[in-house]
Amino acid sequence: MKSAYPIILTPDQGMYLVSVPDLHINTEGTSIENAIEMAADAISLWGMSVEDAGKPIPAPSSELPKCADGELSTFVLVDFEAYRRANDMRTVRKNVTIKGYLNDMAEKAGINFSAVLQEGLKRELNLQ
């Protein structure tokens, strides 16, 4: 799910402080480009944590916030699903049931059951 969240960039001693008003989170960057990148990362990580807690991610505002003198506002594009695929490295244990002869043949062949299941799931979900 892609979303564009408004942010405010505030120059501060050669850096940029970043505020994400919709989510009440902050980050910073060493340049405008880095600050926008850090905002996308912070928003995506925050969203992943919210989803893991079983809550919905709030929709972004459709308008840029008002800025004080010297501040900038822009939208940051985030892709929550792509971020999770790239950064969610937790493992989940699953028990599966297969035919005995398949188990025997696969063990003799040294097949990694977890790797085969993961590849099959990616293929079925069109994630490759």
N, C-alpha and C. Protein backbone atom coordinates (compact mmCIF):
# COMPACT_ATOMS: atom_id res chain seq x y z
N MET A 1 0.85 -1.18 0.00
CA MET A 1 0.00 0.00 0.00
C MET A 1 0.89 1.24 0.00
N LYS A 2 0.81 2.03 -1.06
CA LYS A 2 1.57 3.28 -1.14
C LYS A 2 0.73 4.42 -0.60
N SER A 3 1.41 5.32 0.10
CA SER A 3 0.76 6.50 0.65
C SER A 3 1.74 7.67 0.57
N ALA A 4 1.20 8.88 0.51
CA ALA A 4 2.03 10.09 0.51
C ALA A 4 1.68 10.90 1.76
N TYR A 5 2.62 10.97 2.69
CA TYR A 5 2.41 11.69 3.94
C TYR A 5 3.08 13.05 3.89
N PRO A 6 2.39 14.10 4.36
CA PRO A 6 3.01 15.42 4.41
C PRO A 6 4.02 15.50 5.56
N ILE A 7 5.12 16.20 5.28
CA ILE A 7 6.14 16.42 6.31
C ILE A 7 6.53 17.89 6.33
N ILE A 8 7.14 18.30 7.43
CA ILE A 8 7.70 19.65 7.57
C ILE A 8 9.19 19.50 7.82
N LEU A 9 9.99 20.22 7.03
CA LEU A 9 11.45 20.23 7.19
C LEU A 9 11.86 21.56 7.81
N THR A 10 12.59 21.49 8.92
CA THR A 10 13.04 22.68 9.62
C THR A 10 14.56 22.70 9.65
N PRO A 11 15.21 23.70 9.00
CA PRO A 11 16.67 23.78 9.06
C PRO A 11 17.12 24.03 10.50
N ASP A 12 18.20 23.34 10.90
CA ASP A 12 18.71 23.50 12.26
C ASP A 12 20.19 23.13 12.29
N GLN A 13 21.04 24.13 12.39
CA GLN A 13 22.49 23.94 12.53
C GLN A 13 23.06 22.99 11.47
N GLY A 14 22.76 23.27 10.21
CA GLY A 14 23.30 22.47 9.12
C GLY A 14 22.58 21.15 8.89
N MET A 15 21.54 20.89 9.63
CA MET A 15 20.76 19.66 9.47
C MET A 15 19.31 20.06 9.20
N TYR A 16 18.46 19.07 9.02
CA TYR A 16 17.04 19.31 8.86
C TYR A 16 16.27 18.43 9.83
N LEU A 17 15.46 19.06 10.67
CA LEU A 17 14.55 18.33 11.54
C LEU A 17 13.29 18.04 10.73
N VAL A 18 12.76 16.85 10.88
CA VAL A 18 11.59 16.44 10.11
C VAL A 18 10.45 16.11 11.07
N SER A 19 9.31 16.69 10.80
CA SER A 19 8.10 16.40 11.57
C SER A 19 7.08 15.77 10.64
N VAL A 20 6.43 14.72 11.12
CA VAL A 20 5.34 14.08 10.38
C VAL A 20 4.07 14.32 11.20
N PRO A 21 3.38 15.43 10.93
CA PRO A 21 2.24 15.82 11.78
C PRO A 21 1.13 14.77 11.88
N ASP A 22 0.84 14.05 10.78
CA ASP A 22 -0.24 13.06 10.82
C ASP A 22 0.03 11.93 11.80
N LEU A 23 1.30 11.63 12.02
CA LEU A 23 1.66 10.46 12.84
C LEU A 23 2.33 10.84 14.16
N HIS A 24 2.59 12.13 14.33
CA HIS A 24 3.23 12.64 15.55
C HIS A 24 4.60 11.98 15.77
N ILE A 25 5.38 11.87 14.69
CA ILE A 25 6.73 11.34 14.80
C ILE A 25 7.71 12.33 14.19
N ASN A 26 8.96 12.21 14.59
CA ASN A 26 10.02 13.10 14.12
C ASN A 26 11.26 12.31 13.77
N THR A 27 12.08 12.90 12.91
CA THR A 27 13.38 12.35 12.57
C THR A 27 14.25 13.52 12.12
N GLU A 28 15.41 13.24 11.57
CA GLU A 28 16.27 14.31 11.08
C GLU A 28 17.13 13.79 9.94
N GLY A 29 17.73 14.74 9.20
CA GLY A 29 18.61 14.37 8.11
C GLY A 29 19.70 15.40 7.92
N THR A 30 20.74 15.00 7.23
CA THR A 30 21.90 15.87 7.03
C THR A 30 21.73 16.82 5.85
N SER A 31 20.76 16.54 4.99
CA SER A 31 20.44 17.39 3.83
C SER A 31 18.95 17.23 3.57
N ILE A 32 18.42 18.03 2.65
CA ILE A 32 17.00 17.88 2.33
C ILE A 32 16.72 16.48 1.82
N GLU A 33 17.58 16.00 0.91
CA GLU A 33 17.39 14.66 0.34
C GLU A 33 17.44 13.58 1.42
N ASN A 34 18.44 13.69 2.30
CA ASN A 34 18.59 12.71 3.38
C ASN A 34 17.42 12.80 4.36
N ALA A 35 16.95 14.01 4.64
CA ALA A 35 15.83 14.19 5.57
C ALA A 35 14.56 13.55 5.01
N ILE A 36 14.33 13.69 3.70
CA ILE A 36 13.15 13.07 3.08
C ILE A 36 13.28 11.55 3.12
N GLU A 37 14.48 11.05 2.86
CA GLU A 37 14.73 9.61 2.93
C GLU A 37 14.52 9.08 4.35
N MET A 38 15.02 9.82 5.33
CA MET A 38 14.85 9.42 6.73
C MET A 38 13.38 9.47 7.14
N ALA A 39 12.63 10.44 6.59
CA ALA A 39 11.20 10.52 6.88
C ALA A 39 10.47 9.30 6.34
N ALA A 40 10.80 8.90 5.10
CA ALA A 40 10.17 7.72 4.51
C ALA A 40 10.46 6.49 5.35
N ASP A 41 11.71 6.36 5.82
CA ASP A 41 12.08 5.22 6.65
C ASP A 41 11.34 5.24 7.98
N ALA A 42 11.28 6.41 8.62
CA ALA A 42 10.60 6.53 9.91
C ALA A 42 9.10 6.21 9.78
N ILE A 43 8.47 6.75 8.73
CA ILE A 43 7.04 6.50 8.52
C ILE A 43 6.79 5.02 8.26
N SER A 44 7.63 4.42 7.43
CA SER A 44 7.46 2.99 7.09
C SER A 44 7.66 2.10 8.31
N LEU A 45 8.68 2.38 9.11
CA LEU A 45 8.94 1.59 10.32
C LEU A 45 7.80 1.76 11.31
N TRP A 46 7.33 2.99 11.46
CA TRP A 46 6.20 3.26 12.35
C TRP A 46 4.98 2.48 11.88
N GLY A 47 4.71 2.50 10.57
CA GLY A 47 3.57 1.78 10.03
C GLY A 47 3.65 0.29 10.25
N MET A 48 4.86 -0.26 10.09
CA MET A 48 5.05 -1.69 10.31
C MET A 48 4.76 -2.04 11.78
N SER A 49 5.20 -1.19 12.69
CA SER A 49 4.95 -1.42 14.12
C SER A 49 3.46 -1.35 14.44
N VAL A 50 2.76 -0.41 13.82
CA VAL A 50 1.32 -0.27 14.04
C VAL A 50 0.58 -1.52 13.53
N GLU A 51 0.96 -1.97 12.33
CA GLU A 51 0.33 -3.18 11.77
C GLU A 51 0.61 -4.39 12.66
N ASP A 52 1.84 -4.51 13.16
CA ASP A 52 2.18 -5.64 14.02
C ASP A 52 1.36 -5.63 15.31
N ALA A 53 0.94 -4.44 15.74
CA ALA A 53 0.11 -4.33 16.94
C ALA A 53 -1.37 -4.57 16.63
N GLY A 54 -1.67 -4.86 15.34
CA GLY A 54 -3.04 -5.16 14.95
C GLY A 54 -3.91 -3.94 14.75
N LYS A 55 -3.29 -2.78 14.57
CA LYS A 55 -4.05 -1.54 14.38
C LYS A 55 -3.92 -1.08 12.93
N PRO A 56 -4.87 -0.30 12.46
CA PRO A 56 -4.78 0.22 11.09
C PRO A 56 -3.83 1.43 11.03
N ILE A 57 -3.16 1.58 9.91
CA ILE A 57 -2.30 2.74 9.69
C ILE A 57 -3.20 3.91 9.30
N PRO A 58 -3.08 5.04 9.98
CA PRO A 58 -3.94 6.19 9.64
C PRO A 58 -3.66 6.69 8.22
N ALA A 59 -4.71 7.11 7.55
CA ALA A 59 -4.57 7.68 6.21
C ALA A 59 -3.88 9.04 6.32
N PRO A 60 -3.08 9.40 5.32
CA PRO A 60 -2.41 10.69 5.35
C PRO A 60 -3.35 11.84 5.01
N SER A 61 -2.99 13.03 5.48
CA SER A 61 -3.71 14.24 5.08
C SER A 61 -3.45 14.49 3.60
N SER A 62 -4.38 15.14 2.94
CA SER A 62 -4.22 15.40 1.51
C SER A 62 -3.66 16.79 1.23
N GLU A 63 -3.45 17.58 2.28
CA GLU A 63 -2.92 18.93 2.10
C GLU A 63 -1.63 19.09 2.88
N LEU A 64 -0.76 19.95 2.36
CA LEU A 64 0.49 20.24 3.06
C LEU A 64 0.21 21.10 4.29
N PRO A 65 0.94 20.86 5.37
CA PRO A 65 0.74 21.68 6.56
C PRO A 65 1.33 23.08 6.38
N LYS A 66 0.84 24.03 7.15
CA LYS A 66 1.38 25.38 7.13
C LYS A 66 2.77 25.37 7.78
N CYS A 67 3.66 26.17 7.24
CA CYS A 67 5.03 26.21 7.74
C CYS A 67 5.36 27.57 8.32
N ALA A 68 6.29 27.58 9.25
CA ALA A 68 6.84 28.83 9.77
C ALA A 68 7.90 29.34 8.78
N ASP A 69 8.35 30.56 8.96
CA ASP A 69 9.39 31.11 8.09
C ASP A 69 10.62 30.21 8.10
N GLY A 70 11.14 29.92 6.91
CA GLY A 70 12.34 29.10 6.78
C GLY A 70 12.06 27.61 6.71
N GLU A 71 10.86 27.18 7.01
CA GLU A 71 10.52 25.75 6.94
C GLU A 71 10.01 25.40 5.55
N LEU A 72 10.09 24.13 5.22
CA LEU A 72 9.59 23.61 3.95
C LEU A 72 8.59 22.51 4.25
N SER A 73 7.60 22.35 3.38
CA SER A 73 6.71 21.20 3.52
C SER A 73 6.63 20.50 2.17
N THR A 74 6.49 19.19 2.25
CA THR A 74 6.40 18.37 1.04
C THR A 74 5.71 17.06 1.41
N PHE A 75 5.47 16.25 0.41
CA PHE A 75 4.92 14.92 0.64
C PHE A 75 6.04 13.89 0.52
N VAL A 76 5.95 12.83 1.30
CA VAL A 76 6.89 11.72 1.23
C VAL A 76 6.09 10.48 0.84
N LEU A 77 6.54 9.83 -0.23
CA LEU A 77 5.89 8.62 -0.70
C LEU A 77 6.46 7.41 0.03
N VAL A 78 5.59 6.61 0.60
CA VAL A 78 6.02 5.38 1.29
C VAL A 78 5.22 4.20 0.75
N ASP A 79 5.86 3.05 0.74
CA ASP A 79 5.23 1.80 0.31
C ASP A 79 5.39 0.82 1.47
N PHE A 80 4.35 0.70 2.28
CA PHE A 80 4.42 -0.11 3.48
C PHE A 80 4.71 -1.58 3.18
N GLU A 81 4.10 -2.12 2.13
CA GLU A 81 4.31 -3.53 1.79
C GLU A 81 5.75 -3.78 1.34
N ALA A 82 6.29 -2.91 0.51
CA ALA A 82 7.67 -3.07 0.05
C ALA A 82 8.65 -2.93 1.21
N TYR A 83 8.36 -2.00 2.13
CA TYR A 83 9.23 -1.82 3.29
C TYR A 83 9.24 -3.08 4.16
N ARG A 84 8.08 -3.65 4.37
CA ARG A 84 8.00 -4.88 5.18
C ARG A 84 8.78 -6.01 4.51
N ARG A 85 8.61 -6.18 3.20
CA ARG A 85 9.34 -7.24 2.50
C ARG A 85 10.85 -7.06 2.64
N ALA A 86 11.30 -5.83 2.60
CA ALA A 86 12.74 -5.55 2.65
C ALA A 86 13.31 -5.60 4.07
N ASN A 87 12.48 -5.35 5.09
CA ASN A 87 13.02 -5.16 6.44
C ASN A 87 12.48 -6.08 7.52
N ASP A 88 11.41 -6.81 7.27
CA ASP A 88 10.85 -7.67 8.31
C ASP A 88 11.57 -9.01 8.28
N MET A 89 12.55 -9.17 9.13
CA MET A 89 13.38 -10.37 9.13
C MET A 89 13.00 -11.37 10.23
N ARG A 90 11.88 -11.11 10.90
CA ARG A 90 11.47 -12.06 11.94
C ARG A 90 11.05 -13.37 11.27
N THR A 91 11.21 -14.44 11.98
CA THR A 91 10.77 -15.73 11.46
C THR A 91 9.57 -16.21 12.27
N VAL A 92 8.72 -16.97 11.62
CA VAL A 92 7.52 -17.51 12.25
C VAL A 92 7.54 -19.01 12.05
N ARG A 93 7.33 -19.75 13.12
CA ARG A 93 7.33 -21.20 13.04
C ARG A 93 5.96 -21.69 12.58
N LYS A 94 5.96 -22.55 11.58
CA LYS A 94 4.73 -23.15 11.06
C LYS A 94 4.89 -24.65 11.03
N ASN A 95 3.88 -25.34 11.43
CA ASN A 95 3.86 -26.81 11.32
C ASN A 95 3.07 -27.16 10.06
N VAL A 96 3.62 -28.04 9.26
CA VAL A 96 2.93 -28.46 8.04
C VAL A 96 2.79 -29.98 8.03
N THR A 97 1.83 -30.44 7.27
CA THR A 97 1.60 -31.87 7.13
C THR A 97 1.84 -32.25 5.68
N ILE A 98 2.72 -33.24 5.46
CA ILE A 98 2.99 -33.72 4.11
C ILE A 98 2.96 -35.25 4.12
N LYS A 99 2.87 -35.83 2.96
CA LYS A 99 2.88 -37.29 2.84
C LYS A 99 4.24 -37.83 3.30
N GLY A 100 4.22 -38.98 3.93
CA GLY A 100 5.43 -39.59 4.46
C GLY A 100 6.50 -39.84 3.40
N TYR A 101 6.08 -40.32 2.23
CA TYR A 101 7.08 -40.62 1.20
C TYR A 101 7.76 -39.34 0.71
N LEU A 102 7.02 -38.19 0.68
CA LEU A 102 7.63 -36.92 0.29
C LEU A 102 8.66 -36.48 1.33
N ASN A 103 8.30 -36.65 2.59
CA ASN A 103 9.22 -36.30 3.67
C ASN A 103 10.51 -37.12 3.55
N ASP A 104 10.36 -38.43 3.37
CA ASP A 104 11.54 -39.31 3.27
C ASP A 104 12.41 -38.92 2.08
N MET A 105 11.79 -38.72 0.93
CA MET A 105 12.55 -38.38 -0.27
C MET A 105 13.26 -37.02 -0.12
N ALA A 106 12.56 -36.05 0.45
CA ALA A 106 13.14 -34.72 0.62
C ALA A 106 14.29 -34.74 1.61
N GLU A 107 14.14 -35.46 2.71
CA GLU A 107 15.23 -35.55 3.69
C GLU A 107 16.45 -36.23 3.08
N LYS A 108 16.24 -37.31 2.31
CA LYS A 108 17.36 -37.98 1.66
C LYS A 108 18.06 -37.07 0.65
N ALA A 109 17.29 -36.19 0.02
CA ALA A 109 17.86 -35.27 -0.97
C ALA A 109 18.46 -34.02 -0.32
N GLY A 110 18.30 -33.89 1.00
CA GLY A 110 18.86 -32.73 1.72
C GLY A 110 18.12 -31.43 1.42
N ILE A 111 16.85 -31.55 1.14
CA ILE A 111 16.06 -30.36 0.81
C ILE A 111 15.72 -29.58 2.09
N ASN A 112 15.88 -28.27 2.01
CA ASN A 112 15.54 -27.37 3.11
C ASN A 112 14.04 -27.07 3.01
N PHE A 113 13.25 -27.62 3.91
CA PHE A 113 11.80 -27.48 3.88
C PHE A 113 11.38 -26.01 3.98
N SER A 114 12.02 -25.25 4.85
CA SER A 114 11.66 -23.84 5.04
C SER A 114 11.90 -23.05 3.76
N ALA A 115 13.04 -23.28 3.11
CA ALA A 115 13.36 -22.55 1.87
C ALA A 115 12.35 -22.88 0.78
N VAL A 116 11.98 -24.15 0.66
CA VAL A 116 11.02 -24.56 -0.38
C VAL A 116 9.66 -23.93 -0.11
N LEU A 117 9.23 -23.92 1.14
CA LEU A 117 7.94 -23.32 1.49
C LEU A 117 7.95 -21.82 1.21
N GLN A 118 9.02 -21.14 1.61
CA GLN A 118 9.12 -19.70 1.37
C GLN A 118 9.08 -19.37 -0.12
N GLU A 119 9.84 -20.11 -0.92
CA GLU A 119 9.85 -19.88 -2.36
C GLU A 119 8.47 -20.15 -2.97
N GLY A 120 7.81 -21.21 -2.52
CA GLY A 120 6.47 -21.52 -3.01
C GLY A 120 5.47 -20.43 -2.65
N LEU A 121 5.54 -19.92 -1.42
CA LEU A 121 4.64 -18.85 -1.01
C LEU A 121 4.88 -17.58 -1.81
N LYS A 122 6.13 -17.23 -2.04
CA LYS A 122 6.46 -16.05 -2.84
C LYS A 122 5.90 -16.19 -4.26
N ARG A 123 6.06 -17.37 -4.83
CA ARG A 123 5.55 -17.62 -6.18
C ARG A 123 4.03 -17.50 -6.21
N GLU A 124 3.34 -18.11 -5.24
CA GLU A 124 1.88 -18.07 -5.19
C GLU A 124 1.35 -16.66 -4.96
N LEU A 125 2.11 -15.86 -4.22
CA LEU A 125 1.68 -14.48 -3.90
C LEU A 125 2.20 -13.46 -4.90
N ASN A 126 2.87 -13.94 -5.96
CA ASN A 126 3.44 -13.08 -6.99
C ASN A 126 4.39 -12.02 -6.40
N LEU A 127 5.26 -12.45 -5.50
CA LEU A 127 6.21 -11.54 -4.85
C LEU A 127 7.62 -11.61 -5.45
N GLN A 128 7.79 -12.36 -6.50
CA GLN A 128 9.14 -12.49 -7.07
C GLN A 128 9.34 -11.56 -8.23
